[in-house]
Amino acid sequence: GCAGIALCVAIGAAALGAYLWGTVVPGWTSMFVALM
């Protein structure tokens, strides 16, 4: 559970960074993998 939380935080940080830099791309695959 702790490892899952850490991974989700890392994915969230990467998503926030992409948003701030304006490089948002369709992320269906990464979102699907994270949810699974």
Full PDB file with SEQRES, HELIX, SHEET, SSBOND, CRYST1, ORIGX, SCALE, CONECT and MASTER records, all heavy atoms in Angstrom:
SEQRES   1 A   36  GLY CYS ALA GLY ILE ALA LEU CYS VAL ALA ILE GLY ALA          
SEQRES   2 A   36  ALA ALA LEU GLY ALA TYR LEU TRP GLY THR VAL VAL PRO          
SEQRES   3 A   36  GLY TRP THR SER MET PHE VAL ALA LEU MET                      
HELIX    1 AA1 CYS A    2  LEU A   20  1                                  19    
HELIX    2 AA2 TRP A   28  LEU A   35  1                                   8    
CRYST1    1.000    1.000    1.000  90.00  90.00  90.00 P 1           1          
ORIGX1      1.000000  0.000000  0.000000        0.00000                         
ORIGX2      0.000000  1.000000  0.000000        0.00000                         
ORIGX3      0.000000  0.000000  1.000000        0.00000                         
SCALE1      1.000000  0.000000  0.000000        0.00000                         
SCALE2      0.000000  1.000000  0.000000        0.00000                         
SCALE3      0.000000  0.000000  1.000000        0.00000                         
ATOM      1  N   GLY A   1       0.819  -1.205   0.000  1.00  0.00           N  
ATOM      2  CA  GLY A   1       0.000   0.000   0.000  1.00  0.00           C  
ATOM      3  C   GLY A   1       0.849   1.250   0.000  1.00  0.00           C  
ATOM      4  O   GLY A   1       0.559   2.222  -0.734  1.00  0.00           O  
ATOM      5  N   CYS A   2       1.925   1.243   0.793  1.00  0.00           N  
ATOM      6  CA  CYS A   2       2.829   2.397   0.811  1.00  0.00           C  
ATOM      7  C   CYS A   2       3.500   2.592  -0.549  1.00  0.00           C  
ATOM      8  O   CYS A   2       3.650   3.726  -1.023  1.00  0.00           O  
ATOM      9  CB  CYS A   2       3.887   2.207   1.894  1.00  0.00           C  
ATOM     10  SG  CYS A   2       3.237   2.256   3.579  1.00  0.00           S  
ATOM     11  N   ALA A   3       3.911   1.479  -1.174  1.00  0.00           N  
ATOM     12  CA  ALA A   3       4.533   1.580  -2.499  1.00  0.00           C  
ATOM     13  C   ALA A   3       3.547   2.120  -3.523  1.00  0.00           C  
ATOM     14  O   ALA A   3       3.897   2.937  -4.389  1.00  0.00           O  
ATOM     15  CB  ALA A   3       5.048   0.204  -2.933  1.00  0.00           C  
ATOM     16  N   GLY A   4       2.278   1.681  -3.428  1.00  0.00           N  
ATOM     17  CA  GLY A   4       1.257   2.191  -4.346  1.00  0.00           C  
ATOM     18  C   GLY A   4       1.023   3.678  -4.171  1.00  0.00           C  
ATOM     19  O   GLY A   4       0.869   4.421  -5.144  1.00  0.00           O  
ATOM     20  N   ILE A   5       1.003   4.116  -2.915  1.00  0.00           N  
ATOM     21  CA  ILE A   5       0.820   5.552  -2.659  1.00  0.00           C  
ATOM     22  C   ILE A   5       1.990   6.347  -3.223  1.00  0.00           C  
ATOM     23  O   ILE A   5       1.806   7.402  -3.857  1.00  0.00           O  
ATOM     24  CB  ILE A   5       0.684   5.797  -1.141  1.00  0.00           C  
ATOM     25  CG1 ILE A   5      -0.638   5.213  -0.634  1.00  0.00           C  
ATOM     26  CG2 ILE A   5       0.751   7.296  -0.816  1.00  0.00           C  
ATOM     27  CD1 ILE A   5      -0.785   5.260   0.876  1.00  0.00           C  
ATOM     28  N   ALA A   6       3.217   5.835  -3.012  1.00  0.00           N  
ATOM     29  CA  ALA A   6       4.401   6.532  -3.536  1.00  0.00           C  
ATOM     30  C   ALA A   6       4.354   6.625  -5.054  1.00  0.00           C  
ATOM     31  O   ALA A   6       4.686   7.670  -5.645  1.00  0.00           O  
ATOM     32  CB  ALA A   6       5.664   5.806  -3.085  1.00  0.00           C  
ATOM     33  N   LEU A   7       3.921   5.548  -5.703  1.00  0.00           N  
ATOM     34  CA  LEU A   7       3.838   5.566  -7.159  1.00  0.00           C  
ATOM     35  C   LEU A   7       2.786   6.556  -7.630  1.00  0.00           C  
ATOM     36  O   LEU A   7       2.993   7.297  -8.601  1.00  0.00           O  
ATOM     37  CB  LEU A   7       3.514   4.155  -7.674  1.00  0.00           C  
ATOM     38  CG  LEU A   7       3.416   4.003  -9.188  1.00  0.00           C  
ATOM     39  CD1 LEU A   7       4.713   4.374  -9.863  1.00  0.00           C  
ATOM     40  CD2 LEU A   7       3.021   2.577  -9.560  1.00  0.00           C  
ATOM     41  N   CYS A   8       1.647   6.588  -6.943  1.00  0.00           N  
ATOM     42  CA  CYS A   8       0.596   7.526  -7.324  1.00  0.00           C  
ATOM     43  C   CYS A   8       1.049   8.979  -7.143  1.00  0.00           C  
ATOM     44  O   CYS A   8       0.724   9.847  -7.954  1.00  0.00           O  
ATOM     45  CB  CYS A   8      -0.658   7.273  -6.490  1.00  0.00           C  
ATOM     46  SG  CYS A   8      -1.493   5.722  -6.906  1.00  0.00           S  
ATOM     47  N   VAL A   9       1.810   9.230  -6.065  1.00  0.00           N  
ATOM     48  CA  VAL A   9       2.348  10.588  -5.857  1.00  0.00           C  
ATOM     49  C   VAL A   9       3.295  10.954  -6.995  1.00  0.00           C  
ATOM     50  O   VAL A   9       3.270  12.083  -7.517  1.00  0.00           O  
ATOM     51  CB  VAL A   9       3.062  10.665  -4.495  1.00  0.00           C  
ATOM     52  CG1 VAL A   9       3.847  11.969  -4.371  1.00  0.00           C  
ATOM     53  CG2 VAL A   9       2.055  10.562  -3.359  1.00  0.00           C  
ATOM     54  N   ALA A  10       4.136   9.999  -7.404  1.00  0.00           N  
ATOM     55  CA  ALA A  10       5.076  10.263  -8.501  1.00  0.00           C  
ATOM     56  C   ALA A  10       4.336  10.540  -9.798  1.00  0.00           C  
ATOM     57  O   ALA A  10       4.690  11.474 -10.555  1.00  0.00           O  
ATOM     58  CB  ALA A  10       6.023   9.068  -8.658  1.00  0.00           C  
ATOM     59  N   ILE A  11       3.306   9.747 -10.076  1.00  0.00           N  
ATOM     60  CA  ILE A  11       2.524   9.973 -11.299  1.00  0.00           C  
ATOM     61  C   ILE A  11       1.816  11.319 -11.235  1.00  0.00           C  
ATOM     62  O   ILE A  11       1.756  12.065 -12.229  1.00  0.00           O  
ATOM     63  CB  ILE A  11       1.520   8.819 -11.493  1.00  0.00           C  
ATOM     64  CG1 ILE A  11       2.262   7.505 -11.775  1.00  0.00           C  
ATOM     65  CG2 ILE A  11       0.555   9.135 -12.631  1.00  0.00           C  
ATOM     66  CD1 ILE A  11       1.352   6.312 -11.864  1.00  0.00           C  
ATOM     67  N   GLY A  12       1.284  11.666 -10.050  1.00  0.00           N  
ATOM     68  CA  GLY A  12       0.621  12.957  -9.897  1.00  0.00           C  
ATOM     69  C   GLY A  12       1.576  14.112 -10.105  1.00  0.00           C  
ATOM     70  O   GLY A  12       1.232  15.125 -10.736  1.00  0.00           O  
ATOM     71  N   ALA A  13       2.812  13.986  -9.567  1.00  0.00           N  
ATOM     72  CA  ALA A  13       3.810  15.040  -9.746  1.00  0.00           C  
ATOM     73  C   ALA A  13       4.177  15.195 -11.218  1.00  0.00           C  
ATOM     74  O   ALA A  13       4.336  16.317 -11.729  1.00  0.00           O  
ATOM     75  CB  ALA A  13       5.049  14.714  -8.917  1.00  0.00           C  
ATOM     76  N   ALA A  14       4.318  14.053 -11.914  1.00  0.00           N  
ATOM     77  CA  ALA A  14       4.641  14.109 -13.339  1.00  0.00           C  
ATOM     78  C   ALA A  14       3.513  14.759 -14.127  1.00  0.00           C  
ATOM     79  O   ALA A  14       3.741  15.566 -15.038  1.00  0.00           O  
ATOM     80  CB  ALA A  14       4.918  12.693 -13.869  1.00  0.00           C  
ATOM     81  N   ALA A  15       2.267  14.432 -13.769  1.00  0.00           N  
ATOM     82  CA  ALA A  15       1.121  15.037 -14.462  1.00  0.00           C  
ATOM     83  C   ALA A  15       1.054  16.534 -14.210  1.00  0.00           C  
ATOM     84  O   ALA A  15       0.767  17.331 -15.116  1.00  0.00           O  
ATOM     85  CB  ALA A  15      -0.165  14.361 -14.001  1.00  0.00           C  
ATOM     86  N   LEU A  16       1.312  16.948 -12.949  1.00  0.00           N  
ATOM     87  CA  LEU A  16       1.304  18.376 -12.636  1.00  0.00           C  
ATOM     88  C   LEU A  16       2.409  19.113 -13.386  1.00  0.00           C  
ATOM     89  O   LEU A  16       2.205  20.217 -13.904  1.00  0.00           O  
ATOM     90  CB  LEU A  16       1.469  18.566 -11.121  1.00  0.00           C  
ATOM     91  CG  LEU A  16       1.495  20.013 -10.622  1.00  0.00           C  
ATOM     92  CD1 LEU A  16       0.185  20.723 -10.975  1.00  0.00           C  
ATOM     93  CD2 LEU A  16       1.743  20.060  -9.123  1.00  0.00           C  
ATOM     94  N   GLY A  17       3.590  18.499 -13.453  1.00  0.00           N  
ATOM     95  CA  GLY A  17       4.686  19.118 -14.200  1.00  0.00           C  
ATOM     96  C   GLY A  17       4.352  19.282 -15.668  1.00  0.00           C  
ATOM     97  O   GLY A  17       4.641  20.327 -16.278  1.00  0.00           O  
ATOM     98  N   ALA A  18       3.739  18.256 -16.250  1.00  0.00           N  
ATOM     99  CA  ALA A  18       3.351  18.353 -17.661  1.00  0.00           C  
ATOM    100  C   ALA A  18       2.328  19.458 -17.875  1.00  0.00           C  
ATOM    101  O   ALA A  18       2.369  20.188 -18.878  1.00  0.00           O  
ATOM    102  CB  ALA A  18       2.792  17.006 -18.123  1.00  0.00           C  
ATOM    103  N   TYR A  19       1.408  19.615 -16.918  1.00  0.00           N  
ATOM    104  CA  TYR A  19       0.395  20.674 -17.026  1.00  0.00           C  
ATOM    105  C   TYR A  19       1.033  22.059 -16.951  1.00  0.00           C  
ATOM    106  O   TYR A  19       0.712  22.965 -17.731  1.00  0.00           O  
ATOM    107  CB  TYR A  19      -0.636  20.507 -15.915  1.00  0.00           C  
ATOM    108  CG  TYR A  19      -1.646  21.622 -15.855  1.00  0.00           C  
ATOM    109  CD1 TYR A  19      -2.705  21.680 -16.759  1.00  0.00           C  
ATOM    110  CD2 TYR A  19      -1.525  22.628 -14.898  1.00  0.00           C  
ATOM    111  CE1 TYR A  19      -3.623  22.710 -16.700  1.00  0.00           C  
ATOM    112  CE2 TYR A  19      -2.436  23.670 -14.838  1.00  0.00           C  
ATOM    113  CZ  TYR A  19      -3.492  23.706 -15.741  1.00  0.00           C  
ATOM    114  OH  TYR A  19      -4.390  24.738 -15.692  1.00  0.00           O  
ATOM    115  N   LEU A  20       1.991  22.229 -16.013  1.00  0.00           N  
ATOM    116  CA  LEU A  20       2.633  23.532 -15.850  1.00  0.00           C  
ATOM    117  C   LEU A  20       3.483  23.897 -17.063  1.00  0.00           C  
ATOM    118  O   LEU A  20       3.593  25.088 -17.432  1.00  0.00           O  
ATOM    119  CB  LEU A  20       3.491  23.533 -14.583  1.00  0.00           C  
ATOM    120  CG  LEU A  20       2.723  23.431 -13.252  1.00  0.00           C  
ATOM    121  CD1 LEU A  20       3.688  23.335 -12.077  1.00  0.00           C  
ATOM    122  CD2 LEU A  20       1.789  24.626 -13.090  1.00  0.00           C  
ATOM    123  N   TRP A  21       4.096  22.903 -17.673  1.00  0.00           N  
ATOM    124  CA  TRP A  21       4.930  23.157 -18.840  1.00  0.00           C  
ATOM    125  C   TRP A  21       4.122  23.179 -20.138  1.00  0.00           C  
ATOM    126  O   TRP A  21       4.677  23.407 -21.212  1.00  0.00           O  
ATOM    127  CB  TRP A  21       6.030  22.101 -18.952  1.00  0.00           C  
ATOM    128  CG  TRP A  21       7.114  22.279 -17.927  1.00  0.00           C  
ATOM    129  CD1 TRP A  21       7.246  21.642 -16.761  1.00  0.00           C  
ATOM    130  CD2 TRP A  21       8.201  23.194 -18.009  1.00  0.00           C  
ATOM    131  NE1 TRP A  21       8.347  22.080 -16.073  1.00  0.00           N  
ATOM    132  CE2 TRP A  21       8.966  23.054 -16.826  1.00  0.00           C  
ATOM    133  CE3 TRP A  21       8.608  24.143 -18.963  1.00  0.00           C  
ATOM    134  CZ2 TRP A  21      10.108  23.802 -16.568  1.00  0.00           C  
ATOM    135  CZ3 TRP A  21       9.754  24.890 -18.707  1.00  0.00           C  
ATOM    136  CH2 TRP A  21      10.491  24.726 -17.511  1.00  0.00           C  
ATOM    137  N   GLY A  22       2.859  22.936 -20.029  1.00  0.00           N  
ATOM    138  CA  GLY A  22       2.002  22.998 -21.211  1.00  0.00           C  
ATOM    139  C   GLY A  22       2.231  21.886 -22.201  1.00  0.00           C  
ATOM    140  O   GLY A  22       2.005  22.065 -23.400  1.00  0.00           O  
ATOM    141  N   THR A  23       2.665  20.756 -21.709  1.00  0.00           N  
ATOM    142  CA  THR A  23       2.928  19.615 -22.609  1.00  0.00           C  
ATOM    143  C   THR A  23       1.950  18.477 -22.339  1.00  0.00           C  
ATOM    144  O   THR A  23       2.315  17.306 -22.389  1.00  0.00           O  
ATOM    145  CB  THR A  23       4.367  19.103 -22.424  1.00  0.00           C  
ATOM    146  OG1 THR A  23       4.559  18.761 -21.048  1.00  0.00           O  
ATOM    147  CG2 THR A  23       5.375  20.177 -22.833  1.00  0.00           C  
ATOM    148  N   VAL A  24       0.736  18.846 -22.023  1.00  0.00           N  
ATOM    149  CA  VAL A  24      -0.263  17.833 -21.733  1.00  0.00           C  
ATOM    150  C   VAL A  24      -0.608  17.072 -23.007  1.00  0.00           C  
ATOM    151  O   VAL A  24      -0.915  17.677 -24.043  1.00  0.00           O  
ATOM    152  CB  VAL A  24      -1.535  18.462 -21.148  1.00  0.00           C  
ATOM    153  CG1 VAL A  24      -2.587  17.398 -20.902  1.00  0.00           C  
ATOM    154  CG2 VAL A  24      -1.200  19.186 -19.854  1.00  0.00           C  
ATOM    155  N   VAL A  25      -0.527  15.748 -22.916  1.00  0.00           N  
ATOM    156  CA  VAL A  25      -0.862  14.881 -24.052  1.00  0.00           C  
ATOM    157  C   VAL A  25      -1.895  13.874 -23.569  1.00  0.00           C  
ATOM    158  O   VAL A  25      -2.052  13.644 -22.370  1.00  0.00           O  
ATOM    159  CB  VAL A  25       0.381  14.143 -24.591  1.00  0.00           C  
ATOM    160  CG1 VAL A  25       1.375  15.127 -25.197  1.00  0.00           C  
ATOM    161  CG2 VAL A  25       1.032  13.323 -23.483  1.00  0.00           C  
ATOM    162  N   PRO A  26      -2.631  13.268 -24.479  1.00  0.00           N  
ATOM    163  CA  PRO A  26      -3.596  12.242 -24.073  1.00  0.00           C  
ATOM    164  C   PRO A  26      -2.893  11.158 -23.247  1.00  0.00           C  
ATOM    165  O   PRO A  26      -1.898  10.579 -23.687  1.00  0.00           O  
ATOM    166  CB  PRO A  26      -4.126  11.705 -25.404  1.00  0.00           C  
ATOM    167  CG  PRO A  26      -3.950  12.852 -26.348  1.00  0.00           C  
ATOM    168  CD  PRO A  26      -2.684  13.539 -25.943  1.00  0.00           C  
ATOM    169  N   GLY A  27      -3.412  10.886 -22.058  1.00  0.00           N  
ATOM    170  CA  GLY A  27      -2.742   9.938 -21.142  1.00  0.00           C  
ATOM    171  C   GLY A  27      -3.611   8.767 -20.744  1.00  0.00           C  
ATOM    172  O   GLY A  27      -3.552   8.335 -19.591  1.00  0.00           O  
ATOM    173  N   TRP A  28      -4.389   8.289 -21.694  1.00  0.00           N  
ATOM    174  CA  TRP A  28      -5.296   7.203 -21.361  1.00  0.00           C  
ATOM    175  C   TRP A  28      -4.538   5.969 -20.870  1.00  0.00           C  
ATOM    176  O   TRP A  28      -4.914   5.349 -19.878  1.00  0.00           O  
ATOM    177  CB  TRP A  28      -6.140   6.854 -22.581  1.00  0.00           C  
ATOM    178  CG  TRP A  28      -7.141   5.764 -22.301  1.00  0.00           C  
ATOM    179  CD1 TRP A  28      -8.401   5.906 -21.817  1.00  0.00           C  
ATOM    180  CD2 TRP A  28      -6.933   4.354 -22.468  1.00  0.00           C  
ATOM    181  NE1 TRP A  28      -9.005   4.695 -21.668  1.00  0.00           N  
ATOM    182  CE2 TRP A  28      -8.125   3.708 -22.068  1.00  0.00           C  
ATOM    183  CE3 TRP A  28      -5.870   3.583 -22.917  1.00  0.00           C  
ATOM    184  CZ2 TRP A  28      -8.260   2.342 -22.102  1.00  0.00           C  
ATOM    185  CZ3 TRP A  28      -6.008   2.216 -22.954  1.00  0.00           C  
ATOM    186  CH2 TRP A  28      -7.198   1.598 -22.548  1.00  0.00           C  
ATOM    187  N   THR A  29      -3.428   5.630 -21.567  1.00  0.00           N  
ATOM    188  CA  THR A  29      -2.701   4.404 -21.222  1.00  0.00           C  
ATOM    189  C   THR A  29      -2.126   4.477 -19.809  1.00  0.00           C  
ATOM    190  O   THR A  29      -2.289   3.556 -19.000  1.00  0.00           O  
ATOM    191  CB  THR A  29      -1.566   4.146 -22.226  1.00  0.00           C  
ATOM    192  OG1 THR A  29      -2.124   4.042 -23.536  1.00  0.00           O  
ATOM    193  CG2 THR A  29      -0.813   2.863 -21.883  1.00  0.00           C  
ATOM    194  N   SER A  30      -1.434   5.590 -19.510  1.00  0.00           N  
ATOM    195  CA  SER A  30      -0.829   5.715 -18.191  1.00  0.00           C  
ATOM    196  C   SER A  30      -1.891   5.744 -17.093  1.00  0.00           C  
ATOM    197  O   SER A  30      -1.711   5.156 -16.021  1.00  0.00           O  
ATOM    198  CB  SER A  30       0.033   6.977 -18.118  1.00  0.00           C  
ATOM    199  OG  SER A  30      -0.763   8.129 -18.370  1.00  0.00           O  
ATOM    200  N   MET A  31      -3.009   6.401 -17.353  1.00  0.00           N  
ATOM    201  CA  MET A  31      -4.074   6.452 -16.368  1.00  0.00           C  
ATOM    202  C   MET A  31      -4.688   5.075 -16.145  1.00  0.00           C  
ATOM    203  O   MET A  31      -4.953   4.662 -15.011  1.00  0.00           O  
ATOM    204  CB  MET A  31      -5.151   7.436 -16.819  1.00  0.00           C  
ATOM    205  CG  MET A  31      -6.281   7.623 -15.807  1.00  0.00           C  
ATOM    206  SD  MET A  31      -5.688   8.336 -14.255  1.00  0.00           S  
ATOM    207  CE  MET A  31      -5.262   9.991 -14.827  1.00  0.00           C  
ATOM    208  N   PHE A  32      -4.873   4.349 -17.226  1.00  0.00           N  
ATOM    209  CA  PHE A  32      -5.445   3.014 -17.132  1.00  0.00           C  
ATOM    210  C   PHE A  32      -4.531   2.086 -16.326  1.00  0.00           C  
ATOM    211  O   PHE A  32      -4.983   1.348 -15.451  1.00  0.00           O  
ATOM    212  CB  PHE A  32      -5.670   2.450 -18.538  1.00  0.00           C  
ATOM    213  CG  PHE A  32      -6.247   1.062 -18.544  1.00  0.00           C  
ATOM    214  CD1 PHE A  32      -7.585   0.848 -18.277  1.00  0.00           C  
ATOM    215  CD2 PHE A  32      -5.440  -0.033 -18.823  1.00  0.00           C  
ATOM    216  CE1 PHE A  32      -8.114  -0.431 -18.280  1.00  0.00           C  
ATOM    217  CE2 PHE A  32      -5.961  -1.311 -18.826  1.00  0.00           C  
ATOM    218  CZ  PHE A  32      -7.299  -1.511 -18.560  1.00  0.00           C  
ATOM    219  N   VAL A  33      -3.211   2.142 -16.630  1.00  0.00           N  
ATOM    220  CA  VAL A  33      -2.259   1.297 -15.919  1.00  0.00           C  
ATOM    221  C   VAL A  33      -2.237   1.648 -14.437  1.00  0.00           C  
ATOM    222  O   VAL A  33      -2.201   0.769 -13.558  1.00  0.00           O  
ATOM    223  CB  VAL A  33      -0.850   1.437 -16.536  1.00  0.00           C  
ATOM    224  CG1 VAL A  33       0.188   0.735 -15.659  1.00  0.00           C  
ATOM    225  CG2 VAL A  33      -0.831   0.857 -17.933  1.00  0.00           C  
ATOM    226  N   ALA A  34      -2.265   2.937 -14.119  1.00  0.00           N  
ATOM    227  CA  ALA A  34      -2.238   3.369 -12.723  1.00  0.00           C  
ATOM    228  C   ALA A  34      -3.465   2.877 -11.970  1.00  0.00           C  
ATOM    229  O   ALA A  34      -3.368   2.380 -10.841  1.00  0.00           O  
ATOM    230  CB  ALA A  34      -2.135   4.886 -12.644  1.00  0.00           C  
ATOM    231  N   LEU A  35      -4.632   3.013 -12.602  1.00  0.00           N  
ATOM    232  CA  LEU A  35      -5.853   2.560 -11.947  1.00  0.00           C  
ATOM    233  C   LEU A  35      -5.851   1.046 -11.730  1.00  0.00           C  
ATOM    234  O   LEU A  35      -6.276   0.556 -10.676  1.00  0.00           O  
ATOM    235  CB  LEU A  35      -7.070   2.974 -12.786  1.00  0.00           C  
ATOM    236  CG  LEU A  35      -7.413   4.474 -12.794  1.00  0.00           C  
ATOM    237  CD1 LEU A  35      -8.547   4.765 -13.769  1.00  0.00           C  
ATOM    238  CD2 LEU A  35      -7.788   4.938 -11.392  1.00  0.00           C  
ATOM    239  N   MET A  36      -5.377   0.309 -12.725  1.00  0.00           N  
ATOM    240  CA  MET A  36      -5.304  -1.140 -12.593  1.00  0.00           C  
ATOM    241  C   MET A  36      -4.344  -1.545 -11.472  1.00  0.00           C  
ATOM    242  O   MET A  36      -4.616  -2.458 -10.693  1.00  0.00           O  
ATOM    243  CB  MET A  36      -4.863  -1.777 -13.916  1.00  0.00           C  
ATOM    244  CG  MET A  36      -5.902  -1.706 -15.016  1.00  0.00           C  
ATOM    245  SD  MET A  36      -7.322  -2.802 -14.684  1.00  0.00           S  
ATOM    246  CE  MET A  36      -6.557  -4.397 -14.868  1.00  0.00           C  
TER     247      MET A  36                                                      
MASTER        0    0    0    2    0    0    0    6  246    1    0    3          
END                                                                             
